[in-house]
Amino acid sequence: MFTTFRERYLTRPGGYTRVLRIEPIKEDQAPSAILELVDGPKDMRFAMTARTLAHQRNEGREVNDITARNIMKVTRYREGGEQALEKLASRFKNLEKARSTTGNTGHDRFRRPKQERVYERD
């Protein structure tokens, strides 16, 4: 385990974790968060940036400044980061196209959205 982390963060000068605030999950409404290691195989910001990139491309829009900055952040210390981001963005783009052509947005008024797998199985 430590060799994996050591290799992943060898060239990174700091900032190994990220705190993502989420909506409270329990009925007591206590603040909730997800603590994640950055640049991991299932990095949340990486996935969100890829999804935003795919959405902007599907709408024919240019990448805005915030998305460009996020692209730089999520690929800077990740080996093969730009290629991995493009691959994931392509998967999101294809998923979004499939949903729009079938009319299945994955949303229903009374049900949770259908979960789609975008990461490959380990």
PDB file of N, CA and C in Angstrom:
ATOM      1  N   MET A   1       0.823  -1.184   0.000  1.00  0.00           N
ATOM      2  CA  MET A   1       0.000   0.000   0.000  1.00  0.00           C
ATOM      3  C   MET A   1       0.874   1.258   0.000  1.00  0.00           C
ATOM      4  N   PHE A   2       1.878   1.294   0.877  1.00  0.00           N
ATOM      5  CA  PHE A   2       2.690   2.499   0.977  1.00  0.00           C
ATOM      6  C   PHE A   2       3.566   2.713  -0.255  1.00  0.00           C
ATOM      7  N   THR A   3       3.956   1.644  -0.945  1.00  0.00           N
ATOM      8  CA  THR A   3       4.735   1.833  -2.167  1.00  0.00           C
ATOM      9  C   THR A   3       3.875   2.465  -3.247  1.00  0.00           C
ATOM     10  N   THR A   4       2.593   2.082  -3.293  1.00  0.00           N
ATOM     11  CA  THR A   4       1.678   2.683  -4.270  1.00  0.00           C
ATOM     12  C   THR A   4       1.532   4.172  -4.013  1.00  0.00           C
ATOM     13  N   PHE A   5       1.287   4.535  -2.748  1.00  0.00           N
ATOM     14  CA  PHE A   5       1.127   5.945  -2.409  1.00  0.00           C
ATOM     15  C   PHE A   5       2.427   6.712  -2.600  1.00  0.00           C
ATOM     16  N   ARG A   6       3.527   6.108  -2.217  1.00  0.00           N
ATOM     17  CA  ARG A   6       4.822   6.780  -2.358  1.00  0.00           C
ATOM     18  C   ARG A   6       5.089   7.121  -3.822  1.00  0.00           C
ATOM     19  N   GLU A   7       4.840   6.176  -4.716  1.00  0.00           N
ATOM     20  CA  GLU A   7       5.060   6.427  -6.142  1.00  0.00           C
ATOM     21  C   GLU A   7       4.087   7.466  -6.683  1.00  0.00           C
ATOM     22  N   ARG A   8       2.835   7.409  -6.223  1.00  0.00           N
ATOM     23  CA  ARG A   8       1.823   8.345  -6.719  1.00  0.00           C
ATOM     24  C   ARG A   8       2.145   9.777  -6.338  1.00  0.00           C
ATOM     25  N   TYR A   9       2.653   9.987  -5.121  1.00  0.00           N
ATOM     26  CA  TYR A   9       2.860  11.343  -4.616  1.00  0.00           C
ATOM     27  C   TYR A   9       4.328  11.750  -4.565  1.00  0.00           C
ATOM     28  N   LEU A  10       5.189  11.018  -5.240  1.00  0.00           N
ATOM     29  CA  LEU A  10       6.624  11.278  -5.204  1.00  0.00           C
ATOM     30  C   LEU A  10       6.982  12.685  -5.672  1.00  0.00           C
ATOM     31  N   THR A  11       6.373  13.145  -6.749  1.00  0.00           N
ATOM     32  CA  THR A  11       6.710  14.458  -7.303  1.00  0.00           C
ATOM     33  C   THR A  11       5.762  15.556  -6.854  1.00  0.00           C
ATOM     34  N   ARG A  12       4.780  15.214  -6.049  1.00  0.00           N
ATOM     35  CA  ARG A  12       3.796  16.198  -5.596  1.00  0.00           C
ATOM     36  C   ARG A  12       4.323  16.914  -4.354  1.00  0.00           C
ATOM     37  N   PRO A  13       4.353  18.254  -4.356  1.00  0.00           N
ATOM     38  CA  PRO A  13       4.923  18.985  -3.222  1.00  0.00           C
ATOM     39  C   PRO A  13       4.015  19.088  -1.997  1.00  0.00           C
ATOM     40  N   GLY A  14       2.825  18.591  -2.058  1.00  0.00           N
ATOM     41  CA  GLY A  14       1.894  18.659  -0.928  1.00  0.00           C
ATOM     42  C   GLY A  14       0.475  18.582  -1.440  1.00  0.00           C
ATOM     43  N   GLY A  15      -0.499  18.697  -0.541  1.00  0.00           N
ATOM     44  CA  GLY A  15      -1.906  18.673  -0.948  1.00  0.00           C
ATOM     45  C   GLY A  15      -2.338  17.301  -1.393  1.00  0.00           C
ATOM     46  N   TYR A  16      -2.186  16.308  -0.537  1.00  0.00           N
ATOM     47  CA  TYR A  16      -2.479  14.933  -0.906  1.00  0.00           C
ATOM     48  C   TYR A  16      -3.945  14.549  -0.716  1.00  0.00           C
ATOM     49  N   THR A  17      -4.690  15.349   0.020  1.00  0.00           N
ATOM     50  CA  THR A  17      -6.094  15.029   0.278  1.00  0.00           C
ATOM     51  C   THR A  17      -6.997  16.177  -0.152  1.00  0.00           C
ATOM     52  N   ARG A  18      -8.264  15.854  -0.339  1.00  0.00           N
ATOM     53  CA  ARG A  18      -9.266  16.859  -0.699  1.00  0.00           C
ATOM     54  C   ARG A  18     -10.523  16.564   0.123  1.00  0.00           C
ATOM     55  N   VAL A  19     -11.147  17.607   0.641  1.00  0.00           N
ATOM     56  CA  VAL A  19     -12.394  17.468   1.382  1.00  0.00           C
ATOM     57  C   VAL A  19     -13.518  17.993   0.495  1.00  0.00           C
ATOM     58  N   LEU A  20     -14.477  17.118   0.212  1.00  0.00           N
ATOM     59  CA  LEU A  20     -15.632  17.499  -0.600  1.00  0.00           C
ATOM     60  C   LEU A  20     -16.851  17.543   0.305  1.00  0.00           C
ATOM     61  N   ARG A  21     -17.424  18.714   0.480  1.00  0.00           N
ATOM     62  CA  ARG A  21     -18.623  18.833   1.315  1.00  0.00           C
ATOM     63  C   ARG A  21     -19.822  18.321   0.531  1.00  0.00           C
ATOM     64  N   ILE A  22     -20.645  17.520   1.191  1.00  0.00           N
ATOM     65  CA  ILE A  22     -21.834  16.970   0.545  1.00  0.00           C
ATOM     66  C   ILE A  22     -23.045  17.270   1.413  1.00  0.00           C
ATOM     67  N   GLU A  23     -24.223  17.038   0.859  1.00  0.00           N
ATOM     68  CA  GLU A  23     -25.446  17.256   1.630  1.00  0.00           C
ATOM     69  C   GLU A  23     -25.491  16.279   2.791  1.00  0.00           C
ATOM     70  N   PRO A  24     -26.094  16.690   3.890  1.00  0.00           N
ATOM     71  CA  PRO A  24     -26.195  15.778   5.039  1.00  0.00           C
ATOM     72  C   PRO A  24     -26.918  14.489   4.652  1.00  0.00           C
ATOM     73  N   ILE A  25     -26.394  13.357   5.141  1.00  0.00           N
ATOM     74  CA  ILE A  25     -26.998  12.079   4.787  1.00  0.00           C
ATOM     75  C   ILE A  25     -27.901  11.557   5.900  1.00  0.00           C
ATOM     76  N   LYS A  26     -27.691  11.996   7.100  1.00  0.00           N
ATOM     77  CA  LYS A  26     -28.493  11.510   8.216  1.00  0.00           C
ATOM     78  C   LYS A  26     -29.580  12.520   8.564  1.00  0.00           C
ATOM     79  N   GLU A  27     -30.589  12.039   9.268  1.00  0.00           N
ATOM     80  CA  GLU A  27     -31.713  12.913   9.596  1.00  0.00           C
ATOM     81  C   GLU A  27     -31.360  14.028  10.563  1.00  0.00           C
ATOM     82  N   ASP A  28     -30.210  13.922  11.242  1.00  0.00           N
ATOM     83  CA  ASP A  28     -29.841  14.989  12.180  1.00  0.00           C
ATOM     84  C   ASP A  28     -29.275  16.222  11.482  1.00  0.00           C
ATOM     85  N   GLN A  29     -29.120  16.137  10.161  1.00  0.00           N
ATOM     86  CA  GLN A  29     -28.653  17.246   9.328  1.00  0.00           C
ATOM     87  C   GLN A  29     -27.229  17.702   9.694  1.00  0.00           C
ATOM     88  N   ALA A  30     -26.447  16.795  10.246  1.00  0.00           N
ATOM     89  CA  ALA A  30     -25.052  17.117  10.565  1.00  0.00           C
ATOM     90  C   ALA A  30     -24.275  17.301   9.269  1.00  0.00           C
ATOM     91  N   PRO A  31     -23.343  18.256   9.246  1.00  0.00           N
ATOM     92  CA  PRO A  31     -22.537  18.442   8.040  1.00  0.00           C
ATOM     93  C   PRO A  31     -21.802  17.157   7.664  1.00  0.00           C
ATOM     94  N   SER A  32     -21.746  16.859   6.369  1.00  0.00           N
ATOM     95  CA  SER A  32     -21.088  15.647   5.886  1.00  0.00           C
ATOM     96  C   SER A  32     -20.045  16.021   4.847  1.00  0.00           C
ATOM     97  N   ALA A  33     -19.052  15.175   4.732  1.00  0.00           N
ATOM     98  CA  ALA A  33     -17.994  15.411   3.757  1.00  0.00           C
ATOM     99  C   ALA A  33     -17.373  14.091   3.354  1.00  0.00           C
ATOM    100  N   ILE A  34     -16.693  14.119   2.221  1.00  0.00           N
ATOM    101  CA  ILE A  34     -15.922  12.976   1.744  1.00  0.00           C
ATOM    102  C   ILE A  34     -14.466  13.417   1.746  1.00  0.00           C
ATOM    103  N   LEU A  35     -13.617  12.632   2.370  1.00  0.00           N
ATOM    104  CA  LEU A  35     -12.183  12.884   2.357  1.00  0.00           C
ATOM    105  C   LEU A  35     -11.585  11.921   1.347  1.00  0.00           C
ATOM    106  N   GLU A  36     -10.917  12.461   0.332  1.00  0.00           N
ATOM    107  CA  GLU A  36     -10.343  11.589  -0.681  1.00  0.00           C
ATOM    108  C   GLU A  36      -8.890  11.928  -0.921  1.00  0.00           C
ATOM    109  N   LEU A  37      -8.143  10.945  -1.384  1.00  0.00           N
ATOM    110  CA  LEU A  37      -6.766  11.160  -1.803  1.00  0.00           C
ATOM    111  C   LEU A  37      -6.812  11.671  -3.237  1.00  0.00           C
ATOM    112  N   VAL A  38      -6.094  12.734  -3.511  1.00  0.00           N
ATOM    113  CA  VAL A  38      -6.107  13.295  -4.862  1.00  0.00           C
ATOM    114  C   VAL A  38      -5.290  12.422  -5.803  1.00  0.00           C
ATOM    115  N   ASP A  39      -5.559  12.533  -7.085  1.00  0.00           N
ATOM    116  CA  ASP A  39      -4.867  11.813  -8.146  1.00  0.00           C
ATOM    117  C   ASP A  39      -4.998  10.306  -8.050  1.00  0.00           C
ATOM    118  N   GLY A  40      -6.019   9.846  -7.350  1.00  0.00           N
ATOM    119  CA  GLY A  40      -6.269   8.411  -7.264  1.00  0.00           C
ATOM    120  C   GLY A  40      -7.014   7.937  -8.494  1.00  0.00           C
ATOM    121  N   PRO A  41      -7.228   6.629  -8.587  1.00  0.00           N
ATOM    122  CA  PRO A  41      -7.917   6.088  -9.766  1.00  0.00           C
ATOM    123  C   PRO A  41      -9.388   6.502  -9.869  1.00  0.00           C
ATOM    124  N   LYS A  42      -9.994   6.923  -8.756  1.00  0.00           N
ATOM    125  CA  LYS A  42     -11.399   7.359  -8.787  1.00  0.00           C
ATOM    126  C   LYS A  42     -11.543   8.733  -8.139  1.00  0.00           C
ATOM    127  N   ASP A  43     -10.729   9.654  -8.557  1.00  0.00           N
ATOM    128  CA  ASP A  43     -10.701  11.022  -8.048  1.00  0.00           C
ATOM    129  C   ASP A  43     -11.987  11.744  -8.462  1.00  0.00           C
ATOM    130  N   MET A  44     -12.739  12.260  -7.483  1.00  0.00           N
ATOM    131  CA  MET A  44     -14.034  12.893  -7.742  1.00  0.00           C
ATOM    132  C   MET A  44     -13.894  14.154  -8.601  1.00  0.00           C
ATOM    133  N   ARG A  45     -12.926  15.011  -8.295  1.00  0.00           N
ATOM    134  CA  ARG A  45     -12.764  16.241  -9.081  1.00  0.00           C
ATOM    135  C   ARG A  45     -12.374  15.913 -10.517  1.00  0.00           C
ATOM    136  N   PHE A  46     -11.572  14.889 -10.688  1.00  0.00           N
ATOM    137  CA  PHE A  46     -11.169  14.447 -12.022  1.00  0.00           C
ATOM    138  C   PHE A  46     -12.410  14.053 -12.823  1.00  0.00           C
ATOM    139  N   ALA A  47     -13.297  13.256 -12.197  1.00  0.00           N
ATOM    140  CA  ALA A  47     -14.527  12.821 -12.872  1.00  0.00           C
ATOM    141  C   ALA A  47     -15.457  13.996 -13.158  1.00  0.00           C
ATOM    142  N   MET A  48     -15.580  14.909 -12.214  1.00  0.00           N
ATOM    143  CA  MET A  48     -16.458  16.067 -12.414  1.00  0.00           C
ATOM    144  C   MET A  48     -15.927  16.970 -13.532  1.00  0.00           C
ATOM    145  N   THR A  49     -14.612  17.116 -13.608  1.00  0.00           N
ATOM    146  CA  THR A  49     -14.013  17.926 -14.671  1.00  0.00           C
ATOM    147  C   THR A  49     -14.242  17.262 -16.026  1.00  0.00           C
ATOM    148  N   ALA A  50     -14.077  15.941 -16.087  1.00  0.00           N
ATOM    149  CA  ALA A  50     -14.312  15.219 -17.345  1.00  0.00           C
ATOM    150  C   ALA A  50     -15.770  15.349 -17.778  1.00  0.00           C
ATOM    151  N   ARG A  51     -16.678  15.266 -16.826  1.00  0.00           N
ATOM    152  CA  ARG A  51     -18.107  15.387 -17.157  1.00  0.00           C
ATOM    153  C   ARG A  51     -18.435  16.795 -17.654  1.00  0.00           C
ATOM    154  N   THR A  52     -17.889  17.803 -17.009  1.00  0.00           N
ATOM    155  CA  THR A  52     -18.113  19.184 -17.440  1.00  0.00           C
ATOM    156  C   THR A  52     -17.548  19.407 -18.832  1.00  0.00           C
ATOM    157  N   LEU A  53     -16.354  18.872 -19.073  1.00  0.00           N
ATOM    158  CA  LEU A  53     -15.716  19.000 -20.382  1.00  0.00           C
ATOM    159  C   LEU A  53     -16.583  18.354 -21.465  1.00  0.00           C
ATOM    160  N   ALA A  54     -17.099  17.163 -21.188  1.00  0.00           N
ATOM    161  CA  ALA A  54     -17.964  16.466 -22.152  1.00  0.00           C
ATOM    162  C   ALA A  54     -19.242  17.257 -22.405  1.00  0.00           C
ATOM    163  N   HIS A  55     -19.829  17.800 -21.343  1.00  0.00           N
ATOM    164  CA  HIS A  55     -21.074  18.568 -21.478  1.00  0.00           C
ATOM    165  C   HIS A  55     -20.853  19.823 -22.319  1.00  0.00           C
ATOM    166  N   GLN A  56     -19.759  20.532 -22.057  1.00  0.00           N
ATOM    167  CA  GLN A  56     -19.475  21.739 -22.833  1.00  0.00           C
ATOM    168  C   GLN A  56     -19.236  21.407 -24.296  1.00  0.00           C
ATOM    169  N   ARG A  57     -18.546  20.312 -24.554  1.00  0.00           N
ATOM    170  CA  ARG A  57     -18.306  19.905 -25.947  1.00  0.00           C
ATOM    171  C   ARG A  57     -19.600  19.501 -26.635  1.00  0.00           C
ATOM    172  N   ASN A  58     -20.490  18.781 -25.932  1.00  0.00           N
ATOM    173  CA  ASN A  58     -21.771  18.383 -26.527  1.00  0.00           C
ATOM    174  C   ASN A  58     -22.622  19.587 -26.884  1.00  0.00           C
ATOM    175  N   GLU A  59     -22.493  20.664 -26.109  1.00  0.00           N
ATOM    176  CA  GLU A  59     -23.249  21.878 -26.403  1.00  0.00           C
ATOM    177  C   GLU A  59     -22.535  22.777 -27.394  1.00  0.00           C
ATOM    178  N   GLY A  60     -21.351  22.382 -27.848  1.00  0.00           N
ATOM    179  CA  GLY A  60     -20.596  23.167 -28.818  1.00  0.00           C
ATOM    180  C   GLY A  60     -19.965  24.416 -28.229  1.00  0.00           C
ATOM    181  N   ARG A  61     -19.771  24.437 -26.926  1.00  0.00           N
ATOM    182  CA  ARG A  61     -19.187  25.605 -26.262  1.00  0.00           C
ATOM    183  C   ARG A  61     -17.689  25.425 -26.073  1.00  0.00           C
ATOM    184  N   GLU A  62     -17.008  26.540 -25.991  1.00  0.00           N
ATOM    185  CA  GLU A  62     -15.575  26.534 -25.685  1.00  0.00           C
ATOM    186  C   GLU A  62     -15.388  26.245 -24.199  1.00  0.00           C
ATOM    187  N   VAL A  63     -14.229  25.744 -23.849  1.00  0.00           N
ATOM    188  CA  VAL A  63     -13.908  25.493 -22.440  1.00  0.00           C
ATOM    189  C   VAL A  63     -13.753  26.841 -21.747  1.00  0.00           C
ATOM    190  N   ASN A  64     -14.495  27.045 -20.643  1.00  0.00           N
ATOM    191  CA  ASN A  64     -14.405  28.334 -19.943  1.00  0.00           C
ATOM    192  C   ASN A  64     -13.199  28.344 -18.998  1.00  0.00           C
ATOM    193  N   ASP A  65     -12.943  29.482 -18.374  1.00  0.00           N
ATOM    194  CA  ASP A  65     -11.751  29.656 -17.541  1.00  0.00           C
ATOM    195  C   ASP A  65     -11.731  28.718 -16.337  1.00  0.00           C
ATOM    196  N   ILE A  66     -12.880  28.517 -15.709  1.00  0.00           N
ATOM    197  CA  ILE A  66     -12.934  27.649 -14.522  1.00  0.00           C
ATOM    198  C   ILE A  66     -12.620  26.207 -14.907  1.00  0.00           C
ATOM    199  N   THR A  67     -13.213  25.734 -15.995  1.00  0.00           N
ATOM    200  CA  THR A  67     -12.955  24.367 -16.437  1.00  0.00           C
ATOM    201  C   THR A  67     -11.498  24.210 -16.856  1.00  0.00           C
ATOM    202  N   ALA A  68     -10.949  25.192 -17.550  1.00  0.00           N
ATOM    203  CA  ALA A  68      -9.539  25.140 -17.955  1.00  0.00           C
ATOM    204  C   ALA A  68      -8.629  25.056 -16.728  1.00  0.00           C
ATOM    205  N   ARG A  69      -8.957  25.809 -15.684  1.00  0.00           N
ATOM    206  CA  ARG A  69      -8.164  25.768 -14.460  1.00  0.00           C
ATOM    207  C   ARG A  69      -8.284  24.406 -13.776  1.00  0.00           C
ATOM    208  N   ASN A  70      -9.495  23.849 -13.761  1.00  0.00           N
ATOM    209  CA  ASN A  70      -9.672  22.523 -13.177  1.00  0.00           C
ATOM    210  C   ASN A  70      -8.937  21.447 -13.972  1.00  0.00           C
ATOM    211  N   ILE A  71      -8.921  21.571 -15.297  1.00  0.00           N
ATOM    212  CA  ILE A  71      -8.172  20.631 -16.132  1.00  0.00           C
ATOM    213  C   ILE A  71      -6.697  20.667 -15.756  1.00  0.00           C
ATOM    214  N   MET A  72      -6.165  21.867 -15.602  1.00  0.00           N
ATOM    215  CA  MET A  72      -4.764  22.011 -15.218  1.00  0.00           C
ATOM    216  C   MET A  72      -4.510  21.387 -13.849  1.00  0.00           C
ATOM    217  N   LYS A  73      -5.426  21.602 -12.896  1.00  0.00           N
ATOM    218  CA  LYS A  73      -5.248  21.078 -11.538  1.00  0.00           C
ATOM    219  C   LYS A  73      -5.282  19.555 -11.502  1.00  0.00           C
ATOM    220  N   VAL A  74      -6.225  18.946 -12.221  1.00  0.00           N
ATOM    221  CA  VAL A  74      -6.379  17.498 -12.105  1.00  0.00           C
ATOM    222  C   VAL A  74      -5.387  16.709 -12.950  1.00  0.00           C
ATOM    223  N   THR A  75      -4.736  17.358 -13.903  1.00  0.00           N
ATOM    224  CA  THR A  75      -3.777  16.639 -14.743  1.00  0.00           C
ATOM    225  C   THR A  75      -2.322  16.953 -14.407  1.00  0.00           C
ATOM    226  N   ARG A  76      -2.078  17.989 -13.638  1.00  0.00           N
ATOM    227  CA  ARG A  76      -0.706  18.466 -13.401  1.00  0.00           C
ATOM    228  C   ARG A  76       0.219  17.394 -12.833  1.00  0.00           C
ATOM    229  N   TYR A  77      -0.184  16.686 -11.798  1.00  0.00           N
ATOM    230  CA  TYR A  77       0.692  15.709 -11.155  1.00  0.00           C
ATOM    231  C   TYR A  77       0.339  14.265 -11.488  1.00  0.00           C
ATOM    232  N   ARG A  78      -0.625  14.068 -12.346  1.00  0.00           N
ATOM    233  CA  ARG A  78      -1.069  12.715 -12.693  1.00  0.00           C
ATOM    234  C   ARG A  78      -0.335  12.265 -13.951  1.00  0.00           C
ATOM    235  N   GLU A  79       0.362  11.149 -13.858  1.00  0.00           N
ATOM    236  CA  GLU A  79       1.068  10.623 -15.022  1.00  0.00           C
ATOM    237  C   GLU A  79       0.049  10.193 -16.071  1.00  0.00           C
ATOM    238  N   GLY A  80       0.187  10.695 -17.292  1.00  0.00           N
ATOM    239  CA  GLY A  80      -0.781  10.394 -18.349  1.00  0.00           C
ATOM    240  C   GLY A  80      -2.130  11.038 -18.086  1.00  0.00           C
ATOM    241  N   GLY A  81      -2.136  12.138 -17.328  1.00  0.00           N
ATOM    242  CA  GLY A  81      -3.374  12.769 -16.897  1.00  0.00           C
ATOM    243  C   GLY A  81      -4.234  13.307 -18.019  1.00  0.00           C
ATOM    244  N   GLU A  82      -3.619  13.942 -18.996  1.00  0.00           N
ATOM    245  CA  GLU A  82      -4.401  14.533 -20.086  1.00  0.00           C
ATOM    246  C   GLU A  82      -5.089  13.452 -20.921  1.00  0.00           C
ATOM    247  N   GLN A  83      -4.370  12.351 -21.187  1.00  0.00           N
ATOM    248  CA  GLN A  83      -4.968  11.258 -21.957  1.00  0.00           C
ATOM    249  C   GLN A  83      -6.097  10.598 -21.160  1.00  0.00           C
ATOM    250  N   ALA A  84      -5.874  10.407 -19.860  1.00  0.00           N
ATOM    251  CA  ALA A  84      -6.912   9.794 -19.015  1.00  0.00           C
ATOM    252  C   ALA A  84      -8.148  10.688 -18.937  1.00  0.00           C
ATOM    253  N   LEU A  85      -7.935  12.004 -18.863  1.00  0.00           N
ATOM    254  CA  LEU A  85      -9.064  12.942 -18.820  1.00  0.00           C
ATOM    255  C   LEU A  85      -9.843  12.894 -20.135  1.00  0.00           C
ATOM    256  N   GLU A  86      -9.142  12.872 -21.245  1.00  0.00           N
ATOM    257  CA  GLU A  86      -9.801  12.796 -22.550  1.00  0.00           C
ATOM    258  C   GLU A  86     -10.605  11.498 -22.689  1.00  0.00           C
ATOM    259  N   LYS A  87     -10.044  10.402 -22.194  1.00  0.00           N
ATOM    260  CA  LYS A  87     -10.736   9.114 -22.277  1.00  0.00           C
ATOM    261  C   LYS A  87     -12.018   9.132 -21.453  1.00  0.00           C
ATOM    262  N   LEU A  88     -11.934   9.662 -20.236  1.00  0.00           N
ATOM    263  CA  LEU A  88     -13.120   9.718 -19.380  1.00  0.00           C
ATOM    264  C   LEU A  88     -14.144  10.714 -19.930  1.00  0.00           C
ATOM    265  N   ALA A  89     -13.686  11.846 -20.453  1.00  0.00           N
ATOM    266  CA  ALA A  89     -14.592  12.828 -21.050  1.00  0.00           C
ATOM    267  C   ALA A  89     -15.318  12.218 -22.253  1.00  0.00           C
ATOM    268  N   SER A  90     -14.612  11.413 -23.023  1.00  0.00           N
ATOM    269  CA  SER A  90     -15.213  10.741 -24.173  1.00  0.00           C
ATOM    270  C   SER A  90     -16.302   9.767 -23.721  1.00  0.00           C
ATOM    271  N   ARG A  91     -16.048   9.065 -22.607  1.00  0.00           N
ATOM    272  CA  ARG A  91     -17.061   8.144 -22.083  1.00  0.00           C
ATOM    273  C   ARG A  91     -18.301   8.909 -21.626  1.00  0.00           C
ATOM    274  N   PHE A  92     -18.088  10.033 -20.952  1.00  0.00           N
ATOM    275  CA  PHE A  92     -19.220  10.859 -20.529  1.00  0.00           C
ATOM    276  C   PHE A  92     -19.970  11.420 -21.742  1.00  0.00           C
ATOM    277  N   LYS A  93     -19.230  11.833 -22.757  1.00  0.00           N
ATOM    278  CA  LYS A  93     -19.850  12.393 -23.954  1.00  0.00           C
ATOM    279  C   LYS A  93     -20.736  11.346 -24.636  1.00  0.00           C
ATOM    280  N   ASN A  94     -20.232  10.124 -24.751  1.00  0.00           N
ATOM    281  CA  ASN A  94     -21.016   9.048 -25.364  1.00  0.00           C
ATOM    282  C   ASN A  94     -22.239   8.707 -24.522  1.00  0.00           C
ATOM    283  N   LEU A  95     -22.079   8.723 -23.210  1.00  0.00           N
ATOM    284  CA  LEU A  95     -23.197   8.450 -22.309  1.00  0.00           C
ATOM    285  C   LEU A  95     -24.265   9.526 -22.436  1.00  0.00           C
ATOM    286  N   GLU A  96     -23.825  10.784 -22.518  1.00  0.00           N
ATOM    287  CA  GLU A  96     -24.770  11.900 -22.649  1.00  0.00           C
ATOM    288  C   GLU A  96     -25.495  11.837 -23.991  1.00  0.00           C
ATOM    289  N   LYS A  97     -24.770  11.485 -25.053  1.00  0.00           N
ATOM    290  CA  LYS A  97     -25.397  11.354 -26.372  1.00  0.00           C
ATOM    291  C   LYS A  97     -26.431  10.232 -26.372  1.00  0.00           C
ATOM    292  N   ALA A  98     -26.085   9.104 -25.767  1.00  0.00           N
ATOM    293  CA  ALA A  98     -27.008   7.967 -25.723  1.00  0.00           C
ATOM    294  C   ALA A  98     -28.277   8.336 -24.964  1.00  0.00           C
ATOM    295  N   ARG A  99     -28.134   9.047 -23.893  1.00  0.00           N
ATOM    296  CA  ARG A  99     -29.302   9.461 -23.113  1.00  0.00           C
ATOM    297  C   ARG A  99     -30.180  10.424 -23.899  1.00  0.00           C
ATOM    298  N   SER A 100     -29.558  11.333 -24.636  1.00  0.00           N
ATOM    299  CA  SER A 100     -30.350  12.327 -25.359  1.00  0.00           C
ATOM    300  C   SER A 100     -31.072  11.710 -26.554  1.00  0.00           C
ATOM    301  N   THR A 101     -30.485  10.695 -27.184  1.00  0.00           N
ATOM    302  CA  THR A 101     -31.147  10.081 -28.335  1.00  0.00           C
ATOM    303  C   THR A 101     -32.254   9.135 -27.924  1.00  0.00           C
ATOM    304  N   THR A 102     -32.134   8.499 -26.751  1.00  0.00           N
ATOM    305  CA  THR A 102     -33.178   7.585 -26.300  1.00  0.00           C
ATOM    306  C   THR A 102     -34.244   8.290 -25.478  1.00  0.00           C
ATOM    307  N   GLY A 103     -33.968   9.524 -25.088  1.00  0.00           N
ATOM    308  CA  GLY A 103     -34.911  10.250 -24.255  1.00  0.00           C
ATOM    309  C   GLY A 103     -34.801   9.859 -22.793  1.00  0.00           C
ATOM    310  N   ASN A 104     -33.860   8.980 -22.489  1.00  0.00           N
ATOM    311  CA  ASN A 104     -33.657   8.526 -21.108  1.00  0.00           C
ATOM    312  C   ASN A 104     -32.607   9.413 -20.447  1.00  0.00           C
ATOM    313  N   THR A 105     -33.064  10.344 -19.647  1.00  0.00           N
ATOM    314  CA  THR A 105     -32.128  11.227 -18.958  1.00  0.00           C
ATOM    315  C   THR A 105     -31.635  10.619 -17.670  1.00  0.00           C
ATOM    316  N   GLY A 106     -32.216   9.471 -17.297  1.00  0.00           N
ATOM    317  CA  GLY A 106     -31.819   8.831 -16.056  1.00  0.00           C
ATOM    318  C   GLY A 106     -32.522   9.420 -14.849  1.00  0.00           C
ATOM    319  N   HIS A 107     -33.412  10.386 -15.072  1.00  0.00           N
ATOM    320  CA  HIS A 107     -34.107  11.032 -13.969  1.00  0.00           C
ATOM    321  C   HIS A 107     -35.584  10.698 -13.998  1.00  0.00           C
ATOM    322  N   ASP A 108     -36.134  10.452 -12.855  1.00  0.00           N
ATOM    323  CA  ASP A 108     -37.547  10.203 -12.674  1.00  0.00           C
ATOM    324  C   ASP A 108     -37.973  11.023 -11.460  1.00  0.00           C
ATOM    325  N   ARG A 109     -39.173  11.493 -11.471  1.00  0.00           N
ATOM    326  CA  ARG A 109     -39.629  12.389 -10.397  1.00  0.00           C
ATOM    327  C   ARG A 109     -39.536  11.754  -9.014  1.00  0.00           C
ATOM    328  N   PHE A 110     -39.788  10.454  -8.917  1.00  0.00           N
ATOM    329  CA  PHE A 110     -39.844   9.803  -7.614  1.00  0.00           C
ATOM    330  C   PHE A 110     -38.697   8.839  -7.349  1.00  0.00           C
ATOM    331  N   ARG A 111     -37.812   8.666  -8.275  1.00  0.00           N
ATOM    332  CA  ARG A 111     -36.704   7.726  -8.102  1.00  0.00           C
ATOM    333  C   ARG A 111     -35.370   8.436  -8.233  1.00  0.00           C
ATOM    334  N   ARG A 112     -34.373   7.804  -7.651  1.00  0.00           N
ATOM    335  CA  ARG A 112     -33.024   8.329  -7.793  1.00  0.00           C
ATOM    336  C   ARG A 112     -32.579   8.159  -9.245  1.00  0.00           C
ATOM    337  N   PRO A 113     -31.674   9.020  -9.736  1.00  0.00           N
ATOM    338  CA  PRO A 113     -31.180   8.851 -11.105  1.00  0.00           C
ATOM    339  C   PRO A 113     -30.499   7.495 -11.271  1.00  0.00           C
ATOM    340  N   LYS A 114     -30.632   6.919 -12.446  1.00  0.00           N
ATOM    341  CA  LYS A 114     -29.987   5.647 -12.738  1.00  0.00           C
ATOM    342  C   LYS A 114     -28.477   5.854 -12.715  1.00  0.00           C
ATOM    343  N   GLN A 115     -27.791   5.002 -12.002  1.00  0.00           N
ATOM    344  CA  GLN A 115     -26.345   5.116 -11.903  1.00  0.00           C
ATOM    345  C   GLN A 115     -25.689   4.411 -13.086  1.00  0.00           C
ATOM    346  N   GLU A 116     -24.780   5.094 -13.734  1.00  0.00           N
ATOM    347  CA  GLU A 116     -24.053   4.525 -14.863  1.00  0.00           C
ATOM    348  C   GLU A 116     -22.589   4.373 -14.484  1.00  0.00           C
ATOM    349  N   ARG A 117     -21.960   3.283 -14.870  1.00  0.00           N
ATOM    350  CA  ARG A 117     -20.550   3.053 -14.586  1.00  0.00           C
ATOM    351  C   ARG A 117     -19.702   3.746 -15.645  1.00  0.00           C
ATOM    352  N   VAL A 118     -18.816   4.642 -15.211  1.00  0.00           N
ATOM    353  CA  VAL A 118     -17.919   5.308 -16.151  1.00  0.00           C
ATOM    354  C   VAL A 118     -16.478   4.870 -15.939  1.00  0.00           C
ATOM    355  N   TYR A 119     -16.156   4.415 -14.740  1.00  0.00           N
ATOM    356  CA  TYR A 119     -14.823   3.902 -14.471  1.00  0.00           C
ATOM    357  C   TYR A 119     -14.799   2.420 -14.830  1.00  0.00           C
ATOM    358  N   GLU A 120     -13.654   1.953 -15.280  1.00  0.00           N
ATOM    359  CA  GLU A 120     -13.513   0.528 -15.550  1.00  0.00           C
ATOM    360  C   GLU A 120     -13.427  -0.208 -14.219  1.00  0.00           C
ATOM    361  N   ARG A 121     -13.875  -1.456 -14.225  1.00  0.00           N
ATOM    362  CA  ARG A 121     -13.798  -2.273 -13.009  1.00  0.00           C
ATOM    363  C   ARG A 121     -12.346  -2.564 -12.684  1.00  0.00           C
ATOM    364  N   ASP A 122     -12.059  -2.616 -11.371  1.00  0.00           N
ATOM    365  CA  ASP A 122     -10.686  -2.925 -10.937  1.00  0.00           C
ATOM    366  C   ASP A 122     -10.339  -4.359 -11.151  1.00  0.00           C
TER     367      ASP A 122
END
